[in-house]
C-alpha atoms as a PDB file:
ATOM      1  CA  MET A   1      80.622 -61.199 -34.633  1.00  0.00           C
ATOM      2  CA  GLN A   2      80.150 -64.158 -36.796  1.00  0.00           C
ATOM      3  CA  LEU A   3      83.207 -65.969 -38.563  1.00  0.00           C
ATOM      4  CA  THR A   4      82.046 -64.809 -42.032  1.00  0.00           C
ATOM      5  CA  ASN A   5      82.198 -61.190 -40.740  1.00  0.00           C
ATOM      6  CA  TRP A   6      85.676 -61.718 -39.515  1.00  0.00           C
ATOM      7  CA  ILE A   7      86.728 -63.283 -42.827  1.00  0.00           C
ATOM      8  CA  GLN A   8      85.204 -60.273 -44.745  1.00  0.00           C
ATOM      9  CA  ALA A   9      86.991 -57.783 -42.523  1.00  0.00           C
ATOM     10  CA  ILE A  10      90.450 -59.509 -42.780  1.00  0.00           C
ATOM     11  CA  ALA A  11      90.013 -59.742 -46.664  1.00  0.00           C
ATOM     12  CA  SER A  12      89.093 -56.069 -46.761  1.00  0.00           C
ATOM     13  CA  VAL A  13      92.232 -55.182 -44.833  1.00  0.00           C
ATOM     14  CA  ILE A  14      94.420 -57.425 -47.026  1.00  0.00           C
ATOM     15  CA  ALA A  15      92.889 -55.901 -50.085  1.00  0.00           C
ATOM     16  CA  LEU A  16      93.607 -52.429 -48.618  1.00  0.00           C
ATOM     17  CA  ILE A  17      97.129 -53.187 -47.998  1.00  0.00           C
ATOM     18  CA  ILE A  18      97.747 -54.710 -51.597  1.00  0.00           C
ATOM     19  CA  SER A  19      96.001 -51.760 -53.060  1.00  0.00           C
ATOM     20  CA  THR A  20      98.109 -49.239 -51.121  1.00  0.00           C
ATOM     21  CA  PHE A  21     101.281 -51.260 -52.136  1.00  0.00           C
ATOM     22  CA  GLY A  22     100.120 -50.944 -55.852  1.00  0.00           C
ATOM     23  CA  ILE A  23      99.562 -47.328 -55.736  1.00  0.00           C
ATOM     24  CA  MET A  24     103.040 -46.782 -54.101  1.00  0.00           C
ATOM     25  CA  GLN A  25     104.727 -48.880 -56.760  1.00  0.00           C
ATOM     26  CA  THR A  26     102.994 -46.970 -59.531  1.00  0.00           C
ATOM     27  CA  TYR A  27     104.108 -43.765 -58.037  1.00  0.00           C
ATOM     28  CA  LYS A  28     107.694 -44.780 -57.801  1.00  0.00           C
ATOM     29  CA  ILE A  29     107.614 -45.946 -61.539  1.00  0.00           C
ATOM     30  CA  GLN A  30     106.028 -42.734 -62.738  1.00  0.00           C
ATOM     31  CA  ARG A  31     108.501 -40.758 -60.710  1.00  0.00           C
ATOM     32  CA  THR A  32     111.493 -42.732 -62.155  1.00  0.00           C
ATOM     33  CA  ALA A  33     110.107 -42.504 -65.754  1.00  0.00           C
ATOM     34  CA  SER A  34     109.868 -38.711 -65.509  1.00  0.00           C
ATOM     35  CA  GLU A  35     113.405 -38.106 -64.107  1.00  0.00           C
ATOM     36  CA  PRO A  36     116.110 -36.497 -66.157  1.00  0.00           C
ATOM     37  CA  PHE A  37     119.180 -38.533 -66.938  1.00  0.00           C
ATOM     38  CA  ILE A  38     122.319 -36.700 -67.889  1.00  0.00           C
ATOM     39  CA  ASP A  39     125.104 -38.668 -69.502  1.00  0.00           C
ATOM     40  CA  VAL A  40     128.585 -37.393 -70.148  1.00  0.00           C
ATOM     41  CA  TYR A  41     130.387 -39.222 -72.877  1.00  0.00           C
ATOM     42  CA  VAL A  42     133.129 -38.906 -75.544  1.00  0.00           C
ATOM     43  CA  GLN A  43     131.809 -38.639 -79.111  1.00  0.00           C
ATOM     44  CA  PHE A  44     133.864 -39.372 -82.120  1.00  0.00           C
ATOM     45  CA  VAL A  45     132.967 -38.182 -85.573  1.00  0.00           C
ATOM     46  CA  ASP A  46     134.945 -39.674 -88.417  1.00  0.00           C
ATOM     47  CA  THR A  47     134.504 -38.386 -91.966  1.00  0.00           C
ATOM     48  CA  VAL A  48     137.958 -39.432 -93.118  1.00  0.00           C
ATOM     49  CA  THR A  49     139.487 -36.962 -90.532  1.00  0.00           C
ATOM     50  CA  ALA A  50     138.265 -37.846 -86.945  1.00  0.00           C
ATOM     51  CA  SER A  51     137.230 -35.365 -84.449  1.00  0.00           C
ATOM     52  CA  LYS A  52     136.664 -35.723 -80.754  1.00  0.00           C
ATOM     53  CA  TYR A  53     133.959 -34.103 -78.577  1.00  0.00           C
ATOM     54  CA  LEU A  54     132.891 -34.328 -74.961  1.00  0.00           C
ATOM     55  CA  SER A  55     129.054 -34.494 -75.078  1.00  0.00           C
ATOM     56  CA  ILE A  56     126.594 -33.821 -72.299  1.00  0.00           C
ATOM     57  CA  LYS A  57     123.088 -35.002 -73.066  1.00  0.00           C
ATOM     58  CA  ASN A  58     119.747 -35.261 -71.180  1.00  0.00           C
ATOM     59  CA  PHE A  59     118.507 -38.821 -71.929  1.00  0.00           C
ATOM     60  CA  GLY A  60     115.530 -38.353 -69.504  1.00  0.00           C
ATOM     61  CA  ASN A  61     112.008 -37.042 -69.790  1.00  0.00           C
ATOM     62  CA  SER A  62     112.227 -33.843 -67.810  1.00  0.00           C
ATOM     63  CA  PRO A  63     114.572 -30.859 -67.733  1.00  0.00           C
ATOM     64  CA  ALA A  64     117.710 -30.966 -65.571  1.00  0.00           C
ATOM     65  CA  THR A  65     119.829 -28.008 -64.226  1.00  0.00           C
ATOM     66  CA  ILE A  66     123.514 -28.603 -64.076  1.00  0.00           C
ATOM     67  CA  THR A  67     125.039 -27.652 -60.590  1.00  0.00           C
ATOM     68  CA  SER A  68     128.534 -29.073 -60.933  1.00  0.00           C
ATOM     69  CA  LEU A  69     130.905 -30.580 -63.431  1.00  0.00           C
ATOM     70  CA  THR A  70     134.282 -31.893 -62.294  1.00  0.00           C
ATOM     71  CA  PHE A  71     137.027 -33.953 -63.907  1.00  0.00           C
ATOM     72  CA  SER A  72     139.526 -36.307 -62.339  1.00  0.00           C
ATOM     73  CA  LYS A  73     142.427 -35.190 -64.588  1.00  0.00           C
ATOM     74  CA  PRO A  74     143.426 -32.176 -66.558  1.00  0.00           C
ATOM     75  CA  LEU A  75     141.635 -31.602 -69.865  1.00  0.00           C
ATOM     76  CA  ASP A  76     143.138 -30.662 -73.268  1.00  0.00           C
ATOM     77  CA  ALA A  77     144.643 -27.167 -73.727  1.00  0.00           C
ATOM     78  CA  GLY A  78     141.497 -25.735 -75.157  1.00  0.00           C
ATOM     79  CA  ASN A  79     139.165 -26.868 -72.279  1.00  0.00           C
ATOM     80  CA  GLU A  80     141.547 -26.966 -69.209  1.00  0.00           C
ATOM     81  CA  VAL A  81     141.344 -23.146 -68.399  1.00  0.00           C
ATOM     82  CA  THR A  82     137.465 -23.069 -68.158  1.00  0.00           C
ATOM     83  CA  LYS A  83     136.942 -26.820 -67.433  1.00  0.00           C
ATOM     84  CA  LEU A  84     133.582 -26.469 -69.151  1.00  0.00           C
ATOM     85  CA  SER A  85     132.303 -24.403 -66.341  1.00  0.00           C
ATOM     86  CA  SER A  86     129.871 -22.443 -68.544  1.00  0.00           C
ATOM     87  CA  ILE A  87     127.537 -25.464 -68.406  1.00  0.00           C
ATOM     88  CA  VAL A  88     127.047 -24.991 -64.723  1.00  0.00           C
ATOM     89  CA  GLY A  89     123.734 -23.278 -64.213  1.00  0.00           C
ATOM     90  CA  THR A  90     122.333 -24.423 -67.490  1.00  0.00           C
ATOM     91  CA  THR A  91     119.181 -26.271 -67.831  1.00  0.00           C
ATOM     92  CA  LEU A  92     119.142 -29.018 -70.416  1.00  0.00           C
ATOM     93  CA  ALA A  93     115.614 -30.035 -71.844  1.00  0.00           C
ATOM     94  CA  PRO A  94     114.841 -33.615 -72.668  1.00  0.00           C
ATOM     95  CA  ASN A  95     117.139 -34.863 -75.554  1.00  0.00           C
ATOM     96  CA  GLN A  96     119.127 -31.722 -75.615  1.00  0.00           C
ATOM     97  CA  LYS A  97     122.883 -32.057 -75.964  1.00  0.00           C
ATOM     98  CA  VAL A  98     125.887 -29.767 -75.730  1.00  0.00           C
ATOM     99  CA  MET A  99     129.224 -30.548 -77.037  1.00  0.00           C
ATOM    100  CA  SER A 100     132.839 -29.226 -76.597  1.00  0.00           C
ATOM    101  CA  PHE A 101     135.472 -29.944 -79.160  1.00  0.00           C
ATOM    102  CA  PHE A 102     138.769 -31.655 -77.930  1.00  0.00           C
ATOM    103  CA  ASP A 103     142.079 -31.675 -79.596  1.00  0.00           C
ATOM    104  CA  ASN A 104     142.897 -34.901 -81.413  1.00  0.00           C
ATOM    105  CA  SER A 105     146.135 -35.271 -79.588  1.00  0.00           C
ATOM    106  CA  TYR A 106     144.362 -35.566 -76.284  1.00  0.00           C
ATOM    107  CA  ASN A 107     144.248 -39.348 -75.449  1.00  0.00           C
ATOM    108  CA  ASP A 108     143.694 -39.458 -71.715  1.00  0.00           C
ATOM    109  CA  SER A 109     141.301 -41.586 -69.777  1.00  0.00           C
ATOM    110  CA  LEU A 110     139.587 -39.822 -66.864  1.00  0.00           C
ATOM    111  CA  GLU A 111     136.253 -39.490 -65.031  1.00  0.00           C
ATOM    112  CA  ALA A 112     133.698 -36.757 -65.161  1.00  0.00           C
ATOM    113  CA  THR A 113     131.450 -36.192 -62.224  1.00  0.00           C
ATOM    114  CA  ILE A 114     128.239 -34.265 -62.895  1.00  0.00           C
ATOM    115  CA  ILE A 115     125.747 -33.051 -60.338  1.00  0.00           C
ATOM    116  CA  TYR A 116     122.280 -31.898 -61.418  1.00  0.00           C
ATOM    117  CA  ARG A 117     118.711 -31.275 -60.168  1.00  0.00           C
ATOM    118  CA  ASP A 118     115.317 -31.770 -61.480  1.00  0.00           C
ATOM    119  CA  LEU A 119     112.298 -29.465 -61.387  1.00  0.00           C
ATOM    120  CA  ASN A 120     111.394 -30.820 -57.930  1.00  0.00           C
ATOM    121  CA  ALA A 121     114.924 -29.906 -56.579  1.00  0.00           C
ATOM    122  CA  ARG A 122     115.892 -33.482 -56.226  1.00  0.00           C
ATOM    123  CA  VAL A 123     119.677 -33.830 -56.627  1.00  0.00           C
ATOM    124  CA  PHE A 124     121.349 -36.441 -58.682  1.00  0.00           C
ATOM    125  CA  GLU A 125     125.207 -37.240 -59.002  1.00  0.00           C
ATOM    126  CA  GLN A 126     126.855 -39.461 -61.341  1.00  0.00           C
ATOM    127  CA  THR A 127     130.406 -40.206 -62.432  1.00  0.00           C
ATOM    128  CA  PHE A 128     131.251 -41.357 -65.951  1.00  0.00           C
ATOM    129  CA  PRO A 129     134.485 -42.887 -67.181  1.00  0.00           C
ATOM    130  CA  LEU A 130     135.773 -41.117 -70.377  1.00  0.00           C
ATOM    131  CA  ASN A 131     138.357 -42.454 -72.872  1.00  0.00           C
ATOM    132  CA  PHE A 132     139.651 -40.127 -75.353  1.00  0.00           C
ATOM    133  CA  ASP A 133     142.121 -42.593 -77.052  1.00  0.00           C
ATOM    134  CA  ILE A 134     140.591 -43.462 -80.376  1.00  0.00           C
ATOM    135  CA  THR A 135     143.683 -44.777 -82.001  1.00  0.00           C
ATOM    136  CA  ASP A 136     142.139 -48.308 -82.030  1.00  0.00           C
ATOM    137  CA  PHE A 137     138.844 -47.284 -83.538  1.00  0.00           C
ATOM    138  CA  HIS A 138     139.366 -44.541 -85.960  1.00  0.00           C
ATOM    139  CA  TRP A 139     141.846 -43.445 -88.764  1.00  0.00           C
ATOM    140  CA  VAL A 140     145.274 -42.194 -87.731  1.00  0.00           C
ATOM    141  CA  LYS A 141     147.076 -39.615 -89.820  1.00  0.00           C
ATOM    142  CA  ASP A 142     149.373 -42.366 -91.401  1.00  0.00           C
ATOM    143  CA  SER A 143     146.430 -44.197 -92.787  1.00  0.00           C
ATOM    144  CA  TYR A 144     144.546 -41.054 -94.301  1.00  0.00           C
ATOM    145  CA  PRO A 145     143.805 -41.514 -97.965  1.00  0.00           C
ATOM    146  CA  LYS A 146     146.354 -39.805 -99.950  1.00  0.00           C
ATOM    147  CA  ASP A 147     143.999 -37.173-101.434  1.00  0.00           C
ATOM    148  CA  VAL A 148     142.877 -35.821 -98.019  1.00  0.00           C
ATOM    149  CA  GLY A 149     144.547 -33.098 -95.938  1.00  0.00           C
ATOM    150  CA  ASP A 150     147.685 -30.968 -96.763  1.00  0.00           C
ATOM    151  CA  ASN A 151     145.523 -29.115 -99.409  1.00  0.00           C
ATOM    152  CA  LYS A 152     145.343 -32.179-101.798  1.00  0.00           C
ATOM    153  CA  GLU A 153     141.539 -32.492-101.327  1.00  0.00           C
ATOM    154  CA  SER A 154     139.429 -30.654-103.902  1.00  0.00           C
ATOM    155  CA  PRO A 155     137.389 -27.626-102.688  1.00  0.00           C
ATOM    156  CA  ASP A 156     134.048 -29.557-103.391  1.00  0.00           C
ATOM    157  CA  GLY A 157     135.326 -32.692-101.665  1.00  0.00           C
ATOM    158  CA  LYS A 158     136.262 -30.547 -98.609  1.00  0.00           C
ATOM    159  CA  VAL A 159     132.882 -28.890 -98.386  1.00  0.00           C
ATOM    160  CA  ILE A 160     131.080 -32.374 -98.788  1.00  0.00           C
ATOM    161  CA  ARG A 161     133.371 -33.905 -95.979  1.00  0.00           C
ATOM    162  CA  GLN A 162     132.713 -30.796 -93.729  1.00  0.00           C
ATOM    163  CA  ALA A 163     128.982 -30.892 -94.182  1.00  0.00           C
ATOM    164  CA  THR A 164     128.846 -34.701 -93.624  1.00  0.00           C
ATOM    165  CA  HIS A 165     130.982 -34.115 -90.467  1.00  0.00           C
ATOM    166  CA  ALA A 166     128.516 -31.485 -89.184  1.00  0.00           C
ATOM    167  CA  ILE A 167     125.457 -33.670 -89.795  1.00  0.00           C
ATOM    168  CA  LEU A 168     127.066 -36.756 -88.127  1.00  0.00           C
ATOM    169  CA  LYS A 169     128.086 -34.832 -85.168  1.00  0.00           C
ATOM    170  CA  HIS A 170     124.540 -34.170 -84.284  1.00  0.00           C
ATOM    171  CA  LEU A 171     123.027 -37.529 -84.853  1.00  0.00           C
ATOM    172  CA  ASP A 172     122.279 -39.865 -82.000  1.00  0.00           C
END
């Protein structure tokens, strides 16, 4: 075999290796882009009176089925008994969010660990820090405007505030 034939053969092998590597990288990128990504976070809605929610949202591009949700500390009285266990077995579509109301007096910091799987049965586990203490960020009862709460608010004002609260709760 001549030298030019050897050079062509080596160049072909190198091109094949580079091409295979490129295909593998493209596959990894497409696979990652199509994964679900579940996030657990505390959401605050402040329309003069603040409310706290624990939100679980699929920010990814494919559905995810929740297989486990655990917390590092006890939850508020309304959520401690069930520990939000009704979410287990639920499938969240891309951009779908579920929320649970938390008592405004609950100010703990804790961690939530969620385990979920995608349509290909790949399992994902993530732990999120949660901080329910909003006293530095939102209104506290002592700083409420004088005409809100304790039945001093007009019925129309209350309806407008509650409607605004409901809309803000679902924006993100």
